Amino acid sequence: MAFFRLDPEVYARHKDEVLRLSNSLQTIERRGLSDREIAERLGLDERTVTEIRVVAERDCYPLDEWERAIEFKRRACSEWAALALKRPDLKEP
């Protein structure tokens, strides 16, 4: 696999727009775009958009935010499973 280098100027120029358009900042009213869709909109290649998004997410969100998101998703999944499968024992305390 070849080494990919993200130009810092390209990152700085597109970071905010990539995050705004991506699934990183989800709202009920708006579906985030895929990296491919963002690339087409901004005139970049998909790999560049993916790299910008990944680096920007790490820059913008502290580790505890990621941990809270993982915990939220884990609880939501167990609650859904308990309800959908009619198995209250699956719901976490």
PDB file of N, CA and C in Angstrom:
ATOM      1  N   MET A   1       0.843  -1.180   0.000  1.00  0.00           N
ATOM      2  CA  MET A   1       0.000   0.000   0.000  1.00  0.00           C
ATOM      3  C   MET A   1       0.890   1.246   0.000  1.00  0.00           C
ATOM      4  N   ALA A   2       0.529   2.199  -0.799  1.00  0.00           N
ATOM      5  CA  ALA A   2       1.309   3.429  -0.919  1.00  0.00           C
ATOM      6  C   ALA A   2       1.012   4.376   0.235  1.00  0.00           C
ATOM      7  N   PHE A   3       2.005   5.155   0.588  1.00  0.00           N
ATOM      8  CA  PHE A   3       1.873   6.148   1.641  1.00  0.00           C
ATOM      9  C   PHE A   3       1.081   7.335   1.106  1.00  0.00           C
ATOM     10  N   PHE A   4       0.090   7.800   1.862  1.00  0.00           N
ATOM     11  CA  PHE A   4      -0.727   8.938   1.445  1.00  0.00           C
ATOM     12  C   PHE A   4      -0.355  10.137   2.301  1.00  0.00           C
ATOM     13  N   ARG A   5      -0.048  11.255   1.656  1.00  0.00           N
ATOM     14  CA  ARG A   5       0.310  12.470   2.382  1.00  0.00           C
ATOM     15  C   ARG A   5      -0.749  13.528   2.109  1.00  0.00           C
ATOM     16  N   LEU A   6      -1.323  14.039   3.180  1.00  0.00           N
ATOM     17  CA  LEU A   6      -2.332  15.089   3.068  1.00  0.00           C
ATOM     18  C   LEU A   6      -1.641  16.447   3.157  1.00  0.00           C
ATOM     19  N   ASP A   7      -1.776  17.231   2.127  1.00  0.00           N
ATOM     20  CA  ASP A   7      -1.187  18.569   2.084  1.00  0.00           C
ATOM     21  C   ASP A   7      -1.834  19.428   3.172  1.00  0.00           C
ATOM     22  N   PRO A   8      -1.050  19.996   4.087  1.00  0.00           N
ATOM     23  CA  PRO A   8      -1.614  20.811   5.173  1.00  0.00           C
ATOM     24  C   PRO A   8      -2.457  21.982   4.676  1.00  0.00           C
ATOM     25  N   GLU A   9      -2.097  22.564   3.536  1.00  0.00           N
ATOM     26  CA  GLU A   9      -2.887  23.672   2.994  1.00  0.00           C
ATOM     27  C   GLU A   9      -4.253  23.195   2.508  1.00  0.00           C
ATOM     28  N   VAL A  10      -4.285  22.019   1.885  1.00  0.00           N
ATOM     29  CA  VAL A  10      -5.558  21.439   1.426  1.00  0.00           C
ATOM     30  C   VAL A  10      -6.419  21.120   2.645  1.00  0.00           C
ATOM     31  N   TYR A  11      -5.796  20.555   3.677  1.00  0.00           N
ATOM     32  CA  TYR A  11      -6.519  20.245   4.915  1.00  0.00           C
ATOM     33  C   TYR A  11      -7.127  21.515   5.515  1.00  0.00           C
ATOM     34  N   ALA A  12      -6.332  22.547   5.672  1.00  0.00           N
ATOM     35  CA  ALA A  12      -6.799  23.799   6.283  1.00  0.00           C
ATOM     36  C   ALA A  12      -7.921  24.427   5.456  1.00  0.00           C
ATOM     37  N   ARG A  13      -7.797  24.367   4.145  1.00  0.00           N
ATOM     38  CA  ARG A  13      -8.780  24.992   3.262  1.00  0.00           C
ATOM     39  C   ARG A  13     -10.135  24.273   3.291  1.00  0.00           C
ATOM     40  N   HIS A  14     -10.126  22.930   3.444  1.00  0.00           N
ATOM     41  CA  HIS A  14     -11.362  22.160   3.284  1.00  0.00           C
ATOM     42  C   HIS A  14     -11.906  21.526   4.571  1.00  0.00           C
ATOM     43  N   LYS A  15     -11.156  21.588   5.649  1.00  0.00           N
ATOM     44  CA  LYS A  15     -11.538  20.899   6.884  1.00  0.00           C
ATOM     45  C   LYS A  15     -12.953  21.242   7.345  1.00  0.00           C
ATOM     46  N   ASP A  16     -13.267  22.495   7.505  1.00  0.00           N
ATOM     47  CA  ASP A  16     -14.572  22.891   8.040  1.00  0.00           C
ATOM     48  C   ASP A  16     -15.719  22.461   7.124  1.00  0.00           C
ATOM     49  N   GLU A  17     -15.519  22.593   5.830  1.00  0.00           N
ATOM     50  CA  GLU A  17     -16.569  22.221   4.871  1.00  0.00           C
ATOM     51  C   GLU A  17     -16.775  20.707   4.841  1.00  0.00           C
ATOM     52  N   VAL A  18     -15.688  19.953   4.892  1.00  0.00           N
ATOM     53  CA  VAL A  18     -15.799  18.492   4.911  1.00  0.00           C
ATOM     54  C   VAL A  18     -16.567  18.048   6.154  1.00  0.00           C
ATOM     55  N   LEU A  19     -16.225  18.592   7.315  1.00  0.00           N
ATOM     56  CA  LEU A  19     -16.944  18.223   8.536  1.00  0.00           C
ATOM     57  C   LEU A  19     -18.418  18.624   8.474  1.00  0.00           C
ATOM     58  N   ARG A  20     -18.687  19.799   7.934  1.00  0.00           N
ATOM     59  CA  ARG A  20     -20.067  20.273   7.848  1.00  0.00           C
ATOM     60  C   ARG A  20     -20.915  19.365   6.960  1.00  0.00           C
ATOM     61  N   LEU A  21     -20.344  18.874   5.894  1.00  0.00           N
ATOM     62  CA  LEU A  21     -21.086  18.049   4.943  1.00  0.00           C
ATOM     63  C   LEU A  21     -21.143  16.574   5.326  1.00  0.00           C
ATOM     64  N   SER A  22     -20.266  16.132   6.209  1.00  0.00           N
ATOM     65  CA  SER A  22     -20.121  14.707   6.496  1.00  0.00           C
ATOM     66  C   SER A  22     -21.153  14.198   7.503  1.00  0.00           C
ATOM     67  N   ASN A  23     -21.086  12.886   7.715  1.00  0.00           N
ATOM     68  CA  ASN A  23     -21.916  12.259   8.744  1.00  0.00           C
ATOM     69  C   ASN A  23     -21.379  12.533  10.143  1.00  0.00           C
ATOM     70  N   SER A  24     -20.255  13.187  10.238  1.00  0.00           N
ATOM     71  CA  SER A  24     -19.649  13.475  11.529  1.00  0.00           C
ATOM     72  C   SER A  24     -20.546  14.349  12.389  1.00  0.00           C
ATOM     73  N   LEU A  25     -21.208  15.308  11.753  1.00  0.00           N
ATOM     74  CA  LEU A  25     -22.117  16.203  12.462  1.00  0.00           C
ATOM     75  C   LEU A  25     -23.542  15.908  11.997  1.00  0.00           C
ATOM     76  N   GLN A  26     -24.150  14.919  12.593  1.00  0.00           N
ATOM     77  CA  GLN A  26     -25.473  14.490  12.161  1.00  0.00           C
ATOM     78  C   GLN A  26     -26.570  15.312  12.818  1.00  0.00           C
ATOM     79  N   THR A  27     -27.593  15.591  12.048  1.00  0.00           N
ATOM     80  CA  THR A  27     -28.798  16.207  12.583  1.00  0.00           C
ATOM     81  C   THR A  27     -29.992  15.451  12.024  1.00  0.00           C
ATOM     82  N   ILE A  28     -31.108  15.565  12.688  1.00  0.00           N
ATOM     83  CA  ILE A  28     -32.310  14.872  12.235  1.00  0.00           C
ATOM     84  C   ILE A  28     -32.768  15.424  10.890  1.00  0.00           C
ATOM     85  N   GLU A  29     -32.592  16.718  10.684  1.00  0.00           N
ATOM     86  CA  GLU A  29     -33.081  17.356   9.458  1.00  0.00           C
ATOM     87  C   GLU A  29     -32.231  17.057   8.232  1.00  0.00           C
ATOM     88  N   ARG A  30     -30.984  16.651   8.435  1.00  0.00           N
ATOM     89  CA  ARG A  30     -30.073  16.546   7.295  1.00  0.00           C
ATOM     90  C   ARG A  30     -29.216  15.294   7.373  1.00  0.00           C
ATOM     91  N   ARG A  31     -29.222  14.569   6.283  1.00  0.00           N
ATOM     92  CA  ARG A  31     -28.346  13.411   6.157  1.00  0.00           C
ATOM     93  C   ARG A  31     -26.962  13.907   5.752  1.00  0.00           C
ATOM     94  N   GLY A  32     -25.950  13.403   6.422  1.00  0.00           N
ATOM     95  CA  GLY A  32     -24.592  13.748   6.021  1.00  0.00           C
ATOM     96  C   GLY A  32     -24.247  13.067   4.711  1.00  0.00           C
ATOM     97  N   LEU A  33     -23.326  13.646   3.992  1.00  0.00           N
ATOM     98  CA  LEU A  33     -22.904  13.083   2.712  1.00  0.00           C
ATOM     99  C   LEU A  33     -21.777  12.078   2.922  1.00  0.00           C
ATOM    100  N   SER A  34     -21.661  11.141   2.008  1.00  0.00           N
ATOM    101  CA  SER A  34     -20.539  10.200   2.032  1.00  0.00           C
ATOM    102  C   SER A  34     -19.276  10.941   1.589  1.00  0.00           C
ATOM    103  N   ASP A  35     -18.127  10.326   1.835  1.00  0.00           N
ATOM    104  CA  ASP A  35     -16.872  10.935   1.393  1.00  0.00           C
ATOM    105  C   ASP A  35     -16.871  11.115  -0.124  1.00  0.00           C
ATOM    106  N   ARG A  36     -17.420  10.157  -0.850  1.00  0.00           N
ATOM    107  CA  ARG A  36     -17.485  10.264  -2.310  1.00  0.00           C
ATOM    108  C   ARG A  36     -18.346  11.454  -2.739  1.00  0.00           C
ATOM    109  N   GLU A  37     -19.498  11.626  -2.090  1.00  0.00           N
ATOM    110  CA  GLU A  37     -20.379  12.752  -2.421  1.00  0.00           C
ATOM    111  C   GLU A  37     -19.710  14.090  -2.107  1.00  0.00           C
ATOM    112  N   ILE A  38     -19.009  14.144  -0.982  1.00  0.00           N
ATOM    113  CA  ILE A  38     -18.295  15.374  -0.616  1.00  0.00           C
ATOM    114  C   ILE A  38     -17.199  15.660  -1.635  1.00  0.00           C
ATOM    115  N   ALA A  39     -16.466  14.614  -2.021  1.00  0.00           N
ATOM    116  CA  ALA A  39     -15.397  14.783  -3.004  1.00  0.00           C
ATOM    117  C   ALA A  39     -15.938  15.357  -4.309  1.00  0.00           C
ATOM    118  N   GLU A  40     -17.059  14.827  -4.763  1.00  0.00           N
ATOM    119  CA  GLU A  40     -17.657  15.327  -6.005  1.00  0.00           C
ATOM    120  C   GLU A  40     -18.067  16.785  -5.861  1.00  0.00           C
ATOM    121  N   ARG A  41     -18.636  17.132  -4.717  1.00  0.00           N
ATOM    122  CA  ARG A  41     -19.095  18.501  -4.498  1.00  0.00           C
ATOM    123  C   ARG A  41     -17.933  19.496  -4.426  1.00  0.00           C
ATOM    124  N   LEU A  42     -16.828  19.079  -3.796  1.00  0.00           N
ATOM    125  CA  LEU A  42     -15.699  19.992  -3.586  1.00  0.00           C
ATOM    126  C   LEU A  42     -14.618  19.901  -4.663  1.00  0.00           C
ATOM    127  N   GLY A  43     -14.780  18.951  -5.588  1.00  0.00           N
ATOM    128  CA  GLY A  43     -13.779  18.796  -6.640  1.00  0.00           C
ATOM    129  C   GLY A  43     -12.486  18.174  -6.151  1.00  0.00           C
ATOM    130  N   LEU A  44     -12.578  17.313  -5.148  1.00  0.00           N
ATOM    131  CA  LEU A  44     -11.418  16.606  -4.611  1.00  0.00           C
ATOM    132  C   LEU A  44     -11.580  15.117  -4.884  1.00  0.00           C
ATOM    133  N   ASP A  45     -10.509  14.350  -4.708  1.00  0.00           N
ATOM    134  CA  ASP A  45     -10.680  12.906  -4.824  1.00  0.00           C
ATOM    135  C   ASP A  45     -11.155  12.349  -3.483  1.00  0.00           C
ATOM    136  N   GLU A  46     -11.795  11.190  -3.541  1.00  0.00           N
ATOM    137  CA  GLU A  46     -12.414  10.602  -2.347  1.00  0.00           C
ATOM    138  C   GLU A  46     -11.400  10.330  -1.242  1.00  0.00           C
ATOM    139  N   ARG A  47     -10.220   9.846  -1.581  1.00  0.00           N
ATOM    140  CA  ARG A  47      -9.197   9.538  -0.568  1.00  0.00           C
ATOM    141  C   ARG A  47      -8.792  10.796   0.197  1.00  0.00           C
ATOM    142  N   THR A  48      -8.669  11.919  -0.506  1.00  0.00           N
ATOM    143  CA  THR A  48      -8.315  13.176   0.155  1.00  0.00           C
ATOM    144  C   THR A  48      -9.406  13.584   1.133  1.00  0.00           C
ATOM    145  N   VAL A  49     -10.662  13.464   0.734  1.00  0.00           N
ATOM    146  CA  VAL A  49     -11.772  13.814   1.625  1.00  0.00           C
ATOM    147  C   VAL A  49     -11.772  12.905   2.849  1.00  0.00           C
ATOM    148  N   THR A  50     -11.550  11.621   2.654  1.00  0.00           N
ATOM    149  CA  THR A  50     -11.511  10.688   3.790  1.00  0.00           C
ATOM    150  C   THR A  50     -10.412  11.094   4.763  1.00  0.00           C
ATOM    151  N   GLU A  51      -9.251  11.391   4.264  1.00  0.00           N
ATOM    152  CA  GLU A  51      -8.135  11.797   5.137  1.00  0.00           C
ATOM    153  C   GLU A  51      -8.452  13.098   5.864  1.00  0.00           C
ATOM    154  N   ILE A  52      -9.015  14.064   5.159  1.00  0.00           N
ATOM    155  CA  ILE A  52      -9.383  15.332   5.805  1.00  0.00           C
ATOM    156  C   ILE A  52     -10.385  15.071   6.924  1.00  0.00           C
ATOM    157  N   ARG A  53     -11.407  14.265   6.646  1.00  0.00           N
ATOM    158  CA  ARG A  53     -12.453  14.003   7.642  1.00  0.00           C
ATOM    159  C   ARG A  53     -11.890  13.302   8.881  1.00  0.00           C
ATOM    160  N   VAL A  54     -11.075  12.287   8.653  1.00  0.00           N
ATOM    161  CA  VAL A  54     -10.527  11.526   9.783  1.00  0.00           C
ATOM    162  C   VAL A  54      -9.633  12.405  10.657  1.00  0.00           C
ATOM    163  N   VAL A  55      -8.751  13.171  10.041  1.00  0.00           N
ATOM    164  CA  VAL A  55      -7.861  14.042  10.813  1.00  0.00           C
ATOM    165  C   VAL A  55      -8.673  15.133  11.517  1.00  0.00           C
ATOM    166  N   ALA A  56      -9.647  15.707  10.819  1.00  0.00           N
ATOM    167  CA  ALA A  56     -10.460  16.782  11.408  1.00  0.00           C
ATOM    168  C   ALA A  56     -11.279  16.272  12.584  1.00  0.00           C
ATOM    169  N   GLU A  57     -11.823  15.061  12.469  1.00  0.00           N
ATOM    170  CA  GLU A  57     -12.580  14.499  13.601  1.00  0.00           C
ATOM    171  C   GLU A  57     -11.685  14.348  14.821  1.00  0.00           C
ATOM    172  N   ARG A  58     -10.473  13.893  14.607  1.00  0.00           N
ATOM    173  CA  ARG A  58      -9.525  13.747  15.728  1.00  0.00           C
ATOM    174  C   ARG A  58      -9.149  15.107  16.303  1.00  0.00           C
ATOM    175  N   ASP A  59      -9.024  16.103  15.446  1.00  0.00           N
ATOM    176  CA  ASP A  59      -8.675  17.456  15.904  1.00  0.00           C
ATOM    177  C   ASP A  59      -9.819  18.111  16.669  1.00  0.00           C
ATOM    178  N   CYS A  60     -11.043  17.833  16.265  1.00  0.00           N
ATOM    179  CA  CYS A  60     -12.210  18.555  16.803  1.00  0.00           C
ATOM    180  C   CYS A  60     -12.839  17.923  18.036  1.00  0.00           C
ATOM    181  N   TYR A  61     -12.695  16.613  18.183  1.00  0.00           N
ATOM    182  CA  TYR A  61     -13.370  15.933  19.280  1.00  0.00           C
ATOM    183  C   TYR A  61     -12.356  15.304  20.222  1.00  0.00           C
ATOM    184  N   PRO A  62     -12.413  15.650  21.509  1.00  0.00           N
ATOM    185  CA  PRO A  62     -11.493  15.038  22.463  1.00  0.00           C
ATOM    186  C   PRO A  62     -11.840  13.563  22.691  1.00  0.00           C
ATOM    187  N   LEU A  63     -10.908  12.825  23.259  1.00  0.00           N
ATOM    188  CA  LEU A  63     -11.087  11.394  23.487  1.00  0.00           C
ATOM    189  C   LEU A  63     -12.328  11.093  24.307  1.00  0.00           C
ATOM    190  N   ASP A  64     -12.615  11.889  25.334  1.00  0.00           N
ATOM    191  CA  ASP A  64     -13.789  11.599  26.164  1.00  0.00           C
ATOM    192  C   ASP A  64     -15.093  11.737  25.374  1.00  0.00           C
ATOM    193  N   GLU A  65     -15.100  12.560  24.341  1.00  0.00           N
ATOM    194  CA  GLU A  65     -16.285  12.676  23.478  1.00  0.00           C
ATOM    195  C   GLU A  65     -16.503  11.381  22.710  1.00  0.00           C
ATOM    196  N   TRP A  66     -15.419  10.793  22.211  1.00  0.00           N
ATOM    197  CA  TRP A  66     -15.518   9.508  21.513  1.00  0.00           C
ATOM    198  C   TRP A  66     -16.010   8.431  22.471  1.00  0.00           C
ATOM    199  N   GLU A  67     -15.489   8.434  23.689  1.00  0.00           N
ATOM    200  CA  GLU A  67     -15.899   7.425  24.675  1.00  0.00           C
ATOM    201  C   GLU A  67     -17.369   7.570  25.040  1.00  0.00           C
ATOM    202  N   ARG A  68     -17.857   8.799  25.185  1.00  0.00           N
ATOM    203  CA  ARG A  68     -19.281   9.018  25.468  1.00  0.00           C
ATOM    204  C   ARG A  68     -20.150   8.543  24.306  1.00  0.00           C
ATOM    205  N   ALA A  69     -19.699   8.773  23.099  1.00  0.00           N
ATOM    206  CA  ALA A  69     -20.459   8.337  21.919  1.00  0.00           C
ATOM    207  C   ALA A  69     -20.536   6.811  21.857  1.00  0.00           C
ATOM    208  N   ILE A  70     -19.439   6.144  22.143  1.00  0.00           N
ATOM    209  CA  ILE A  70     -19.431   4.674  22.152  1.00  0.00           C
ATOM    210  C   ILE A  70     -20.382   4.151  23.213  1.00  0.00           C
ATOM    211  N   GLU A  71     -20.350   4.729  24.402  1.00  0.00           N
ATOM    212  CA  GLU A  71     -21.237   4.298  25.491  1.00  0.00           C
ATOM    213  C   GLU A  71     -22.702   4.550  25.126  1.00  0.00           C
ATOM    214  N   PHE A  72     -23.003   5.702  24.551  1.00  0.00           N
ATOM    215  CA  PHE A  72     -24.364   6.018  24.134  1.00  0.00           C
ATOM    216  C   PHE A  72     -24.874   4.989  23.119  1.00  0.00           C
ATOM    217  N   LYS A  73     -24.051   4.676  22.125  1.00  0.00           N
ATOM    218  CA  LYS A  73     -24.453   3.723  21.095  1.00  0.00           C
ATOM    219  C   LYS A  73     -24.639   2.326  21.676  1.00  0.00           C
ATOM    220  N   ARG A  74     -23.770   1.933  22.597  1.00  0.00           N
ATOM    221  CA  ARG A  74     -23.892   0.621  23.224  1.00  0.00           C
ATOM    222  C   ARG A  74     -25.203   0.508  23.989  1.00  0.00           C
ATOM    223  N   ARG A  75     -25.536   1.554  24.776  1.00  0.00           N
ATOM    224  CA  ARG A  75     -26.796   1.547  25.534  1.00  0.00           C
ATOM    225  C   ARG A  75     -28.005   1.558  24.613  1.00  0.00           C
ATOM    226  N   ALA A  76     -27.951   2.388  23.575  1.00  0.00           N
ATOM    227  CA  ALA A  76     -29.065   2.476  22.633  1.00  0.00           C
ATOM    228  C   ALA A  76     -29.305   1.134  21.943  1.00  0.00           C
ATOM    229  N   CYS A  77     -28.242   0.452  21.571  1.00  0.00           N
ATOM    230  CA  CYS A  77     -28.384  -0.857  20.921  1.00  0.00           C
ATOM    231  C   CYS A  77     -28.978  -1.888  21.863  1.00  0.00           C
ATOM    232  N   SER A  78     -28.531  -1.887  23.110  1.00  0.00           N
ATOM    233  CA  SER A  78     -29.081  -2.878  24.050  1.00  0.00           C
ATOM    234  C   SER A  78     -30.542  -2.583  24.369  1.00  0.00           C
ATOM    235  N   GLU A  79     -30.896  -1.307  24.465  1.00  0.00           N
ATOM    236  CA  GLU A  79     -32.303  -0.949  24.698  1.00  0.00           C
ATOM    237  C   GLU A  79     -33.168  -1.343  23.507  1.00  0.00           C
ATOM    238  N   TRP A  80     -32.663  -1.107  22.299  1.00  0.00           N
ATOM    239  CA  TRP A  80     -33.413  -1.489  21.108  1.00  0.00           C
ATOM    240  C   TRP A  80     -33.599  -3.002  21.054  1.00  0.00           C
ATOM    241  N   ALA A  81     -32.517  -3.744  21.318  1.00  0.00           N
ATOM    242  CA  ALA A  81     -32.600  -5.205  21.276  1.00  0.00           C
ATOM    243  C   ALA A  81     -33.600  -5.714  22.306  1.00  0.00           C
ATOM    244  N   ALA A  82     -33.585  -5.147  23.502  1.00  0.00           N
ATOM    245  CA  ALA A  82     -34.519  -5.569  24.549  1.00  0.00           C
ATOM    246  C   ALA A  82     -35.959  -5.325  24.121  1.00  0.00           C
ATOM    247  N   LEU A  83     -36.208  -4.184  23.513  1.00  0.00           N
ATOM    248  CA  LEU A  83     -37.556  -3.841  23.075  1.00  0.00           C
ATOM    249  C   LEU A  83     -37.975  -4.665  21.860  1.00  0.00           C
ATOM    250  N   ALA A  84     -37.135  -4.709  20.847  1.00  0.00           N
ATOM    251  CA  ALA A  84     -37.480  -5.389  19.595  1.00  0.00           C
ATOM    252  C   ALA A  84     -37.623  -6.894  19.773  1.00  0.00           C
ATOM    253  N   LEU A  85     -36.798  -7.473  20.605  1.00  0.00           N
ATOM    254  CA  LEU A  85     -36.835  -8.914  20.806  1.00  0.00           C
ATOM    255  C   LEU A  85     -37.723  -9.332  21.980  1.00  0.00           C
ATOM    256  N   LYS A  86     -38.334  -8.325  22.609  1.00  0.00           N
ATOM    257  CA  LYS A  86     -39.178  -8.564  23.788  1.00  0.00           C
ATOM    258  C   LYS A  86     -38.400  -9.366  24.825  1.00  0.00           C
ATOM    259  N   ARG A  87     -37.167  -8.906  25.060  1.00  0.00           N
ATOM    260  CA  ARG A  87     -36.276  -9.556  26.025  1.00  0.00           C
ATOM    261  C   ARG A  87     -35.745  -8.501  26.982  1.00  0.00           C
ATOM    262  N   PRO A  88     -36.525  -8.147  28.021  1.00  0.00           N
ATOM    263  CA  PRO A  88     -36.069  -7.121  28.957  1.00  0.00           C
ATOM    264  C   PRO A  88     -34.744  -7.444  29.618  1.00  0.00           C
ATOM    265  N   ASP A  89     -34.374  -8.711  29.648  1.00  0.00           N
ATOM    266  CA  ASP A  89     -33.103  -9.089  30.265  1.00  0.00           C
ATOM    267  C   ASP A  89     -31.894  -8.566  29.469  1.00  0.00           C
ATOM    268  N   LEU A  90     -32.125  -8.175  28.216  1.00  0.00           N
ATOM    269  CA  LEU A  90     -31.026  -7.630  27.404  1.00  0.00           C
ATOM    270  C   LEU A  90     -30.732  -6.181  27.708  1.00  0.00           C
ATOM    271  N   LYS A  91     -31.689  -5.499  28.324  1.00  0.00           N
ATOM    272  CA  LYS A  91     -31.513  -4.072  28.632  1.00  0.00           C
ATOM    273  C   LYS A  91     -30.533  -3.927  29.789  1.00  0.00           C
ATOM    274  N   GLU A  92     -29.605  -2.996  29.625  1.00  0.00           N
ATOM    275  CA  GLU A  92     -28.621  -2.788  30.678  1.00  0.00           C
ATOM    276  C   GLU A  92     -29.231  -2.021  31.836  1.00  0.00           C
ATOM    277  N   PRO A  93     -28.713  -2.273  33.041  1.00  0.00           N
ATOM    278  CA  PRO A  93     -29.261  -1.550  34.216  1.00  0.00           C
ATOM    279  C   PRO A  93     -28.930  -0.065  34.182  1.00  0.00           C
TER     280      PRO A  93
END
